[in-house]
């Protein structure tokens, strides 16, 4: 079977629509229909029932779903293994949310270079939802995420629990006030906890979705905001930032999500490296 057919089938299942699947795969709806038609001819069974609401699986399609997932996972594993660079015995593929790369994954890369020099590495930075999809279909061995829902075909374990702390700049003649708070997107759990801790609080004048950029901003102009404790520790030590007295702190756990079919020995290396990196990063 052409692996693109299995991918197309899974995309239609995920989106519930031939139109949405075509948009996600950057192909025409006609091409999606043609691939599914070939699949149905090969299996001699209809895979989907199409109507105005979209596309839903037939009983035969439901049976094929787990095989399609396995096909894609096996193909990805084979592709990465065959594509090993010279002198490398294995390859690990790992992803993380953008905010986790600095400094955690930087330290992990250095640890892998030192402790697992024979292993090739492929890394991906993306949204948590997309990373979960890549782990599910076998494109990634594992991903590090803040907040990780359980998904079929994946294993989730707590990696470490960090804190979000309220800090402010110290270079100004007057401490920053409530109007100088910079909003940072730390996810829905944080947003709910923040609203509970500060009922009736005003929306921030400046909101930035990426923590390191928000930190650069308040260091330049002054202000306050919630940041990962390990990330701002060097700035607290050198005096450029200080903790806001009596500022509520919020738990911010990070999880390692892995494919249920990933090589367990390789995952052991990934896990050991991430825990060492968390220690080096001061998490």
C-alpha atoms as a PDB file:
ATOM      1  CA  UNK A   1       0.000   0.000   0.000  1.00  0.00           C
ATOM      2  CA  UNK A   2       1.100   3.571  -0.729  1.00  0.00           C
ATOM      3  CA  UNK A   3       1.741   5.012   2.751  1.00  0.00           C
ATOM      4  CA  UNK A   4       0.157   8.312   1.648  1.00  0.00           C
ATOM      5  CA  UNK A   5      -3.175   6.490   1.411  1.00  0.00           C
ATOM      6  CA  UNK A   6      -2.958   5.403   5.044  1.00  0.00           C
ATOM      7  CA  UNK A   7      -1.985   8.960   6.066  1.00  0.00           C
ATOM      8  CA  UNK A   8      -4.928  10.377   4.121  1.00  0.00           C
ATOM      9  CA  UNK A   9      -7.311   7.885   5.713  1.00  0.00           C
ATOM     10  CA  UNK A  10      -6.099   8.881   9.204  1.00  0.00           C
ATOM     11  CA  UNK A  11      -6.406  12.585   8.392  1.00  0.00           C
ATOM     12  CA  UNK A  12     -10.022  12.142   7.308  1.00  0.00           C
ATOM     13  CA  UNK A  13     -10.721  10.241  10.541  1.00  0.00           C
ATOM     14  CA  UNK A  14      -9.070  12.993  12.595  1.00  0.00           C
ATOM     15  CA  UNK A  15     -10.826  15.918  10.908  1.00  0.00           C
ATOM     16  CA  UNK A  16     -14.115  14.182  10.103  1.00  0.00           C
ATOM     17  CA  UNK A  17     -14.131  15.751   6.675  1.00  0.00           C
ATOM     18  CA  UNK A  18     -12.603  15.223   3.246  1.00  0.00           C
ATOM     19  CA  UNK A  19     -12.402  19.014   2.846  1.00  0.00           C
ATOM     20  CA  UNK A  20     -10.506  19.555   6.106  1.00  0.00           C
ATOM     21  CA  UNK A  21      -8.229  16.601   5.420  1.00  0.00           C
ATOM     22  CA  UNK A  22      -7.336  18.095   2.034  1.00  0.00           C
ATOM     23  CA  UNK A  23      -6.513  21.444   3.654  1.00  0.00           C
ATOM     24  CA  UNK A  24      -4.289  19.838   6.310  1.00  0.00           C
ATOM     25  CA  UNK A  25      -2.459  17.709   3.761  1.00  0.00           C
ATOM     26  CA  UNK A  26      -2.107  20.583   1.264  1.00  0.00           C
ATOM     27  CA  UNK A  27      -3.728  18.562  -1.533  1.00  0.00           C
ATOM     28  CA  UNK A  28      -7.018  18.900  -3.373  1.00  0.00           C
ATOM     29  CA  UNK A  29     -10.257  17.365  -2.176  1.00  0.00           C
ATOM     30  CA  UNK A  30     -10.270  15.405  -5.426  1.00  0.00           C
ATOM     31  CA  UNK A  31      -6.914  13.861  -4.487  1.00  0.00           C
ATOM     32  CA  UNK A  32      -8.256  12.889  -1.058  1.00  0.00           C
ATOM     33  CA  UNK A  33     -11.307  11.270  -2.639  1.00  0.00           C
ATOM     34  CA  UNK A  34      -9.118   9.424  -5.146  1.00  0.00           C
ATOM     35  CA  UNK A  35      -6.863   8.001  -2.409  1.00  0.00           C
ATOM     36  CA  UNK A  36      -9.805   6.821  -0.329  1.00  0.00           C
ATOM     37  CA  UNK A  37     -11.394   5.285  -3.442  1.00  0.00           C
ATOM     38  CA  UNK A  38      -8.190   3.326  -4.118  1.00  0.00           C
ATOM     39  CA  UNK A  39      -8.169   2.126  -0.502  1.00  0.00           C
ATOM     40  CA  UNK A  40     -11.792   1.013  -0.721  1.00  0.00           C
ATOM     41  CA  UNK A  41     -11.083  -0.832  -3.975  1.00  0.00           C
ATOM     42  CA  UNK A  42      -8.072  -2.600  -2.436  1.00  0.00           C
ATOM     43  CA  UNK A  43     -10.057  -3.678   0.644  1.00  0.00           C
ATOM     44  CA  UNK A  44     -13.323  -4.184  -1.223  1.00  0.00           C
ATOM     45  CA  UNK A  45     -15.167  -2.346   1.530  1.00  0.00           C
ATOM     46  CA  UNK A  46     -16.398   1.232   1.990  1.00  0.00           C
ATOM     47  CA  UNK A  47     -14.380   3.121   4.613  1.00  0.00           C
ATOM     48  CA  UNK A  48     -16.576   6.190   5.145  1.00  0.00           C
ATOM     49  CA  UNK A  49     -20.164   7.302   5.016  1.00  0.00           C
ATOM     50  CA  UNK A  50     -20.219  10.835   3.625  1.00  0.00           C
ATOM     51  CA  UNK A  51     -22.997  13.344   4.244  1.00  0.00           C
ATOM     52  CA  UNK A  52     -23.453  17.067   4.771  1.00  0.00           C
ATOM     53  CA  UNK A  53     -22.031  16.787   8.283  1.00  0.00           C
ATOM     54  CA  UNK A  54     -18.752  15.323   6.996  1.00  0.00           C
ATOM     55  CA  UNK A  55     -17.459  11.746   6.964  1.00  0.00           C
ATOM     56  CA  UNK A  56     -17.811   8.988   9.542  1.00  0.00           C
ATOM     57  CA  UNK A  57     -16.265   5.550   9.615  1.00  0.00           C
ATOM     58  CA  UNK A  58     -18.126   2.470   8.487  1.00  0.00           C
ATOM     59  CA  UNK A  59     -17.662  -0.732  10.540  1.00  0.00           C
ATOM     60  CA  UNK A  60     -14.973  -1.776   8.043  1.00  0.00           C
ATOM     61  CA  UNK A  61     -13.306   1.617   8.429  1.00  0.00           C
ATOM     62  CA  UNK A  62     -13.255   1.223  12.207  1.00  0.00           C
ATOM     63  CA  UNK A  63     -11.513  -2.136  11.817  1.00  0.00           C
ATOM     64  CA  UNK A  64      -8.949  -0.673   9.427  1.00  0.00           C
ATOM     65  CA  UNK A  65      -8.172   2.301  11.689  1.00  0.00           C
ATOM     66  CA  UNK A  66      -5.775   0.479  14.028  1.00  0.00           C
ATOM     67  CA  UNK A  67      -3.990  -1.123  11.099  1.00  0.00           C
ATOM     68  CA  UNK A  68      -3.567   2.252   9.381  1.00  0.00           C
ATOM     69  CA  UNK A  69      -2.037   3.689  12.539  1.00  0.00           C
ATOM     70  CA  UNK A  70       0.394   0.774  12.772  1.00  0.00           C
ATOM     71  CA  UNK A  71       1.298   1.091   9.088  1.00  0.00           C
ATOM     72  CA  UNK A  72       2.282   4.729   9.513  1.00  0.00           C
ATOM     73  CA  UNK A  73       4.225   4.050  12.716  1.00  0.00           C
ATOM     74  CA  UNK A  74       6.160   1.168  11.184  1.00  0.00           C
ATOM     75  CA  UNK A  75       6.939   3.220   8.094  1.00  0.00           C
ATOM     76  CA  UNK A  76       8.243   6.147  10.158  1.00  0.00           C
ATOM     77  CA  UNK A  77      10.411   3.822  12.225  1.00  0.00           C
ATOM     78  CA  UNK A  78      11.788   2.178   9.088  1.00  0.00           C
ATOM     79  CA  UNK A  79      12.397   5.498   7.357  1.00  0.00           C
ATOM     80  CA  UNK A  80      14.343   6.995  10.252  1.00  0.00           C
ATOM     81  CA  UNK A  81      16.358   3.808  10.796  1.00  0.00           C
ATOM     82  CA  UNK A  82      17.385   3.519   7.157  1.00  0.00           C
ATOM     83  CA  UNK A  83      18.244   7.218   7.112  1.00  0.00           C
ATOM     84  CA  UNK A  84      20.738   6.936   9.979  1.00  0.00           C
ATOM     85  CA  UNK A  85      23.821   9.116   9.475  1.00  0.00           C
ATOM     86  CA  UNK A  86      27.131   7.232   9.122  1.00  0.00           C
ATOM     87  CA  UNK A  87      28.587   6.036  12.426  1.00  0.00           C
ATOM     88  CA  UNK A  88      25.299   6.230  14.346  1.00  0.00           C
ATOM     89  CA  UNK A  89      23.644   3.139  15.805  1.00  0.00           C
ATOM     90  CA  UNK A  90      20.180   4.582  16.447  1.00  0.00           C
ATOM     91  CA  UNK A  91      18.046   7.676  16.103  1.00  0.00           C
ATOM     92  CA  UNK A  92      15.794   9.403  18.597  1.00  0.00           C
ATOM     93  CA  UNK A  93      13.057  11.829  17.588  1.00  0.00           C
ATOM     94  CA  UNK A  94      11.753  14.189  20.244  1.00  0.00           C
ATOM     95  CA  UNK A  95       9.549  17.251  20.299  1.00  0.00           C
ATOM     96  CA  UNK A  96       8.734  19.984  22.788  1.00  0.00           C
ATOM     97  CA  UNK A  97       6.679  23.096  23.149  1.00  0.00           C
ATOM     98  CA  UNK A  98       8.524  26.299  22.326  1.00  0.00           C
ATOM     99  CA  UNK A  99       8.742  27.473  25.939  1.00  0.00           C
ATOM    100  CA  UNK A 100      10.466  24.238  26.979  1.00  0.00           C
ATOM    101  CA  UNK A 101      13.434  24.496  24.652  1.00  0.00           C
ATOM    102  CA  UNK A 102      15.151  27.165  26.675  1.00  0.00           C
ATOM    103  CA  UNK A 103      16.872  26.019  28.802  1.00  0.00           C
ATOM    104  CA  UNK A 104      15.620  22.438  29.339  1.00  0.00           C
ATOM    105  CA  UNK A 105      16.070  20.958  25.874  1.00  0.00           C
ATOM    106  CA  UNK A 106      19.327  22.825  25.329  1.00  0.00           C
ATOM    107  CA  UNK A 107      20.765  21.009  28.344  1.00  0.00           C
ATOM    108  CA  UNK A 108      19.256  17.741  27.101  1.00  0.00           C
ATOM    109  CA  UNK A 109      20.985  18.084  23.724  1.00  0.00           C
ATOM    110  CA  UNK A 110      24.307  18.658  25.482  1.00  0.00           C
ATOM    111  CA  UNK A 111      23.702  15.623  27.721  1.00  0.00           C
ATOM    112  CA  UNK A 112      22.886  13.426  24.717  1.00  0.00           C
ATOM    113  CA  UNK A 113      26.023  14.583  22.910  1.00  0.00           C
ATOM    114  CA  UNK A 114      28.112  13.678  25.951  1.00  0.00           C
ATOM    115  CA  UNK A 115      26.411  10.460  27.093  1.00  0.00           C
ATOM    116  CA  UNK A 116      24.898   9.036  23.887  1.00  0.00           C
ATOM    117  CA  UNK A 117      27.305  10.108  21.151  1.00  0.00           C
ATOM    118  CA  UNK A 118      26.310   7.172  18.907  1.00  0.00           C
ATOM    119  CA  UNK A 119      22.675   8.288  18.730  1.00  0.00           C
ATOM    120  CA  UNK A 120      21.421  10.623  15.995  1.00  0.00           C
ATOM    121  CA  UNK A 121      18.829  13.186  17.102  1.00  0.00           C
ATOM    122  CA  UNK A 122      15.884  14.817  15.348  1.00  0.00           C
ATOM    123  CA  UNK A 123      14.017  17.551  17.209  1.00  0.00           C
ATOM    124  CA  UNK A 124      10.722  19.302  16.595  1.00  0.00           C
ATOM    125  CA  UNK A 125       9.250  22.453  18.126  1.00  0.00           C
ATOM    126  CA  UNK A 126       5.493  22.809  17.733  1.00  0.00           C
ATOM    127  CA  UNK A 127       2.156  23.313  19.447  1.00  0.00           C
ATOM    128  CA  UNK A 128       1.206  20.705  22.053  1.00  0.00           C
ATOM    129  CA  UNK A 129      -1.739  19.444  19.997  1.00  0.00           C
ATOM    130  CA  UNK A 130       0.425  18.849  16.947  1.00  0.00           C
ATOM    131  CA  UNK A 131       3.135  17.173  19.013  1.00  0.00           C
ATOM    132  CA  UNK A 132       0.561  14.779  20.465  1.00  0.00           C
ATOM    133  CA  UNK A 133      -0.504  13.861  16.932  1.00  0.00           C
ATOM    134  CA  UNK A 134       3.099  13.190  15.917  1.00  0.00           C
ATOM    135  CA  UNK A 135       3.632  10.931  18.925  1.00  0.00           C
ATOM    136  CA  UNK A 136       0.382   9.122  18.193  1.00  0.00           C
ATOM    137  CA  UNK A 137       1.256   8.349  14.588  1.00  0.00           C
ATOM    138  CA  UNK A 138       4.819   7.334  15.445  1.00  0.00           C
ATOM    139  CA  UNK A 139       6.569  10.305  13.821  1.00  0.00           C
ATOM    140  CA  UNK A 140       8.050  11.203  17.221  1.00  0.00           C
ATOM    141  CA  UNK A 141       9.385   8.831  19.866  1.00  0.00           C
ATOM    142  CA  UNK A 142       8.415  11.276  22.589  1.00  0.00           C
ATOM    143  CA  UNK A 143       7.472  14.863  23.366  1.00  0.00           C
ATOM    144  CA  UNK A 144       7.792  17.071  26.439  1.00  0.00           C
ATOM    145  CA  UNK A 145       4.620  19.024  27.128  1.00  0.00           C
ATOM    146  CA  UNK A 146       3.032  21.198  29.759  1.00  0.00           C
ATOM    147  CA  UNK A 147      -0.290  19.433  30.222  1.00  0.00           C
ATOM    148  CA  UNK A 148      -0.660  16.149  28.356  1.00  0.00           C
ATOM    149  CA  UNK A 149      -4.062  14.520  27.834  1.00  0.00           C
ATOM    150  CA  UNK A 150      -4.178  10.741  27.569  1.00  0.00           C
ATOM    151  CA  UNK A 151      -4.453   9.573  23.978  1.00  0.00           C
ATOM    152  CA  UNK A 152      -4.717   6.092  22.474  1.00  0.00           C
ATOM    153  CA  UNK A 153      -1.307   4.671  21.644  1.00  0.00           C
ATOM    154  CA  UNK A 154       0.600   6.983  24.000  1.00  0.00           C
ATOM    155  CA  UNK A 155       2.080   6.760  27.487  1.00  0.00           C
ATOM    156  CA  UNK A 156       2.193   9.814  29.759  1.00  0.00           C
ATOM    157  CA  UNK A 157       4.391  10.293  32.836  1.00  0.00           C
ATOM    158  CA  UNK A 158       5.180  13.264  35.041  1.00  0.00           C
ATOM    159  CA  UNK A 159       8.670  14.513  34.245  1.00  0.00           C
ATOM    160  CA  UNK A 160       8.951  17.348  36.754  1.00  0.00           C
ATOM    161  CA  UNK A 161       6.777  19.980  38.368  1.00  0.00           C
ATOM    162  CA  UNK A 162       7.865  23.561  38.004  1.00  0.00           C
ATOM    163  CA  UNK A 163       6.352  26.693  39.516  1.00  0.00           C
ATOM    164  CA  UNK A 164       5.111  29.859  37.892  1.00  0.00           C
ATOM    165  CA  UNK A 165       6.146  32.790  40.094  1.00  0.00           C
ATOM    166  CA  UNK A 166       5.309  36.481  39.969  1.00  0.00           C
ATOM    167  CA  UNK A 167       8.406  38.636  39.486  1.00  0.00           C
ATOM    168  CA  UNK A 168       9.078  42.305  38.821  1.00  0.00           C
ATOM    169  CA  UNK A 169      11.986  44.391  37.641  1.00  0.00           C
ATOM    170  CA  UNK A 170      14.136  46.196  40.157  1.00  0.00           C
ATOM    171  CA  UNK A 171      15.803  48.901  38.026  1.00  0.00           C
ATOM    172  CA  UNK A 172      12.920  51.400  38.268  1.00  0.00           C
ATOM    173  CA  UNK A 173      12.669  54.104  40.926  1.00  0.00           C
ATOM    174  CA  UNK A 174       9.185  52.824  41.813  1.00  0.00           C
ATOM    175  CA  UNK A 175       8.109  49.155  41.826  1.00  0.00           C
ATOM    176  CA  UNK A 176       5.820  48.398  38.861  1.00  0.00           C
ATOM    177  CA  UNK A 177       2.124  48.635  39.601  1.00  0.00           C
ATOM    178  CA  UNK A 178      -0.806  46.440  38.500  1.00  0.00           C
ATOM    179  CA  UNK A 179      -0.995  48.288  35.185  1.00  0.00           C
ATOM    180  CA  UNK A 180       2.563  47.155  34.388  1.00  0.00           C
ATOM    181  CA  UNK A 181       1.711  43.442  34.571  1.00  0.00           C
ATOM    182  CA  UNK A 182       2.520  41.689  31.297  1.00  0.00           C
ATOM    183  CA  UNK A 183       0.143  38.885  30.427  1.00  0.00           C
ATOM    184  CA  UNK A 184       1.717  35.586  29.308  1.00  0.00           C
ATOM    185  CA  UNK A 185      -0.155  32.620  27.887  1.00  0.00           C
ATOM    186  CA  UNK A 186       0.625  29.669  30.174  1.00  0.00           C
ATOM    187  CA  UNK A 187      -2.452  27.665  29.168  1.00  0.00           C
ATOM    188  CA  UNK A 188      -6.016  27.250  30.367  1.00  0.00           C
ATOM    189  CA  UNK A 189      -5.143  25.700  33.741  1.00  0.00           C
ATOM    190  CA  UNK A 190      -3.003  28.701  34.662  1.00  0.00           C
ATOM    191  CA  UNK A 191      -5.608  31.140  33.363  1.00  0.00           C
ATOM    192  CA  UNK A 192      -8.288  29.571  35.566  1.00  0.00           C
ATOM    193  CA  UNK A 193      -6.042  29.551  38.639  1.00  0.00           C
ATOM    194  CA  UNK A 194      -5.002  33.149  37.989  1.00  0.00           C
ATOM    195  CA  UNK A 195      -8.625  34.336  37.765  1.00  0.00           C
ATOM    196  CA  UNK A 196      -9.406  32.559  41.021  1.00  0.00           C
ATOM    197  CA  UNK A 197      -6.407  34.187  42.760  1.00  0.00           C
ATOM    198  CA  UNK A 198      -7.121  37.663  41.340  1.00  0.00           C
ATOM    199  CA  UNK A 199     -10.920  37.972  41.031  1.00  0.00           C
ATOM    200  CA  UNK A 200     -11.925  41.126  39.224  1.00  0.00           C
ATOM    201  CA  UNK A 201      -8.394  41.744  37.978  1.00  0.00           C
ATOM    202  CA  UNK A 202      -7.949  43.913  34.906  1.00  0.00           C
ATOM    203  CA  UNK A 203      -6.856  42.541  31.564  1.00  0.00           C
ATOM    204  CA  UNK A 204      -3.175  43.348  30.931  1.00  0.00           C
ATOM    205  CA  UNK A 205      -2.311  46.202  28.588  1.00  0.00           C
ATOM    206  CA  UNK A 206       0.417  44.067  26.995  1.00  0.00           C
ATOM    207  CA  UNK A 207      -0.007  40.320  26.470  1.00  0.00           C
ATOM    208  CA  UNK A 208       2.773  38.162  24.977  1.00  0.00           C
ATOM    209  CA  UNK A 209       2.376  34.444  24.300  1.00  0.00           C
ATOM    210  CA  UNK A 210       6.096  33.556  24.501  1.00  0.00           C
ATOM    211  CA  UNK A 211       7.750  33.768  27.932  1.00  0.00           C
ATOM    212  CA  UNK A 212      11.345  34.633  26.901  1.00  0.00           C
ATOM    213  CA  UNK A 213      10.089  37.505  24.725  1.00  0.00           C
ATOM    214  CA  UNK A 214       7.956  38.787  27.598  1.00  0.00           C
ATOM    215  CA  UNK A 215      10.988  38.682  29.874  1.00  0.00           C
ATOM    216  CA  UNK A 216      13.109  40.642  27.385  1.00  0.00           C
ATOM    217  CA  UNK A 217      10.310  43.216  27.222  1.00  0.00           C
ATOM    218  CA  UNK A 218       9.962  43.830  30.957  1.00  0.00           C
ATOM    219  CA  UNK A 219      13.741  43.903  31.445  1.00  0.00           C
ATOM    220  CA  UNK A 220      13.857  46.690  28.844  1.00  0.00           C
ATOM    221  CA  UNK A 221      10.875  48.814  29.942  1.00  0.00           C
ATOM    222  CA  UNK A 222      10.098  47.552  33.448  1.00  0.00           C
ATOM    223  CA  UNK A 223       7.111  45.600  34.637  1.00  0.00           C
ATOM    224  CA  UNK A 224       6.033  42.337  36.154  1.00  0.00           C
ATOM    225  CA  UNK A 225       4.735  38.968  35.063  1.00  0.00           C
ATOM    226  CA  UNK A 226       4.493  35.265  35.781  1.00  0.00           C
ATOM    227  CA  UNK A 227       7.462  33.164  34.670  1.00  0.00           C
ATOM    228  CA  UNK A 228       8.838  29.691  35.182  1.00  0.00           C
ATOM    229  CA  UNK A 229      10.899  29.728  38.351  1.00  0.00           C
ATOM    230  CA  UNK A 230      13.877  27.913  36.853  1.00  0.00           C
ATOM    231  CA  UNK A 231      13.964  30.249  33.882  1.00  0.00           C
ATOM    232  CA  UNK A 232      14.108  33.469  35.922  1.00  0.00           C
ATOM    233  CA  UNK A 233      16.393  32.161  38.708  1.00  0.00           C
ATOM    234  CA  UNK A 234      19.587  33.716  37.199  1.00  0.00           C
ATOM    235  CA  UNK A 235      17.854  37.108  37.005  1.00  0.00           C
ATOM    236  CA  UNK A 236      16.751  36.841  40.643  1.00  0.00           C
ATOM    237  CA  UNK A 237      20.302  35.975  41.664  1.00  0.00           C
ATOM    238  CA  UNK A 238      21.884  38.921  39.817  1.00  0.00           C
ATOM    239  CA  UNK A 239      19.235  41.327  41.115  1.00  0.00           C
ATOM    240  CA  UNK A 240      17.572  42.344  37.865  1.00  0.00           C
ATOM    241  CA  UNK A 241      14.333  40.740  39.035  1.00  0.00           C
ATOM    242  CA  UNK A 242      12.756  40.173  42.424  1.00  0.00           C
ATOM    243  CA  UNK A 243       9.827  38.089  43.610  1.00  0.00           C
ATOM    244  CA  UNK A 244       6.657  40.083  44.236  1.00  0.00           C
ATOM    245  CA  UNK A 245       5.949  39.781  47.978  1.00  0.00           C
ATOM    246  CA  UNK A 246       3.003  37.486  48.728  1.00  0.00           C
ATOM    247  CA  UNK A 247       2.541  36.762  45.036  1.00  0.00           C
ATOM    248  CA  UNK A 248       0.605  33.497  44.559  1.00  0.00           C
ATOM    249  CA  UNK A 249       2.587  30.672  42.974  1.00  0.00           C
ATOM    250  CA  UNK A 250       1.090  28.129  40.578  1.00  0.00           C
ATOM    251  CA  UNK A 251       2.171  24.565  39.816  1.00  0.00           C
ATOM    252  CA  UNK A 252       3.238  23.985  36.220  1.00  0.00           C
ATOM    253  CA  UNK A 253       3.928  20.264  35.620  1.00  0.00           C
ATOM    254  CA  UNK A 254       5.764  18.988  32.551  1.00  0.00           C
ATOM    255  CA  UNK A 255       5.082  15.551  31.113  1.00  0.00           C
ATOM    256  CA  UNK A 256       6.951  13.102  28.930  1.00  0.00           C
ATOM    257  CA  UNK A 257       4.562  11.650  26.356  1.00  0.00           C
ATOM    258  CA  UNK A 258       5.857   8.676  24.400  1.00  0.00           C
ATOM    259  CA  UNK A 259       4.577   6.328  21.753  1.00  0.00           C
ATOM    260  CA  UNK A 260       3.436   2.999  23.171  1.00  0.00           C
ATOM    261  CA  UNK A 261       5.460   1.329  20.417  1.00  0.00           C
ATOM    262  CA  UNK A 262       8.670   3.307  20.918  1.00  0.00           C
ATOM    263  CA  UNK A 263      11.888   1.479  21.821  1.00  0.00           C
ATOM    264  CA  UNK A 264      11.831   1.211  25.628  1.00  0.00           C
ATOM    265  CA  UNK A 265      15.612   1.268  25.975  1.00  0.00           C
ATOM    266  CA  UNK A 266      15.770   4.466  23.927  1.00  0.00           C
ATOM    267  CA  UNK A 267      13.044   6.012  26.066  1.00  0.00           C
ATOM    268  CA  UNK A 268      15.082   5.169  29.154  1.00  0.00           C
ATOM    269  CA  UNK A 269      17.942   7.235  27.696  1.00  0.00           C
ATOM    270  CA  UNK A 270      15.619  10.097  26.795  1.00  0.00           C
ATOM    271  CA  UNK A 271      14.129  10.088  30.291  1.00  0.00           C
ATOM    272  CA  UNK A 272      17.508   9.971  32.034  1.00  0.00           C
ATOM    273  CA  UNK A 273      18.784  12.833  29.899  1.00  0.00           C
ATOM    274  CA  UNK A 274      15.704  14.969  30.530  1.00  0.00           C
ATOM    275  CA  UNK A 275      15.927  14.505  34.283  1.00  0.00           C
ATOM    276  CA  UNK A 276      19.616  15.414  34.200  1.00  0.00           C
ATOM    277  CA  UNK A 277      18.800  18.427  32.020  1.00  0.00           C
ATOM    278  CA  UNK A 278      16.060  19.548  34.409  1.00  0.00           C
ATOM    279  CA  UNK A 279      18.575  19.432  37.255  1.00  0.00           C
ATOM    280  CA  UNK A 280      21.130  21.435  35.196  1.00  0.00           C
ATOM    281  CA  UNK A 281      18.450  23.971  34.282  1.00  0.00           C
ATOM    282  CA  UNK A 282      17.549  24.408  37.943  1.00  0.00           C
ATOM    283  CA  UNK A 283      14.032  23.041  37.575  1.00  0.00           C
END
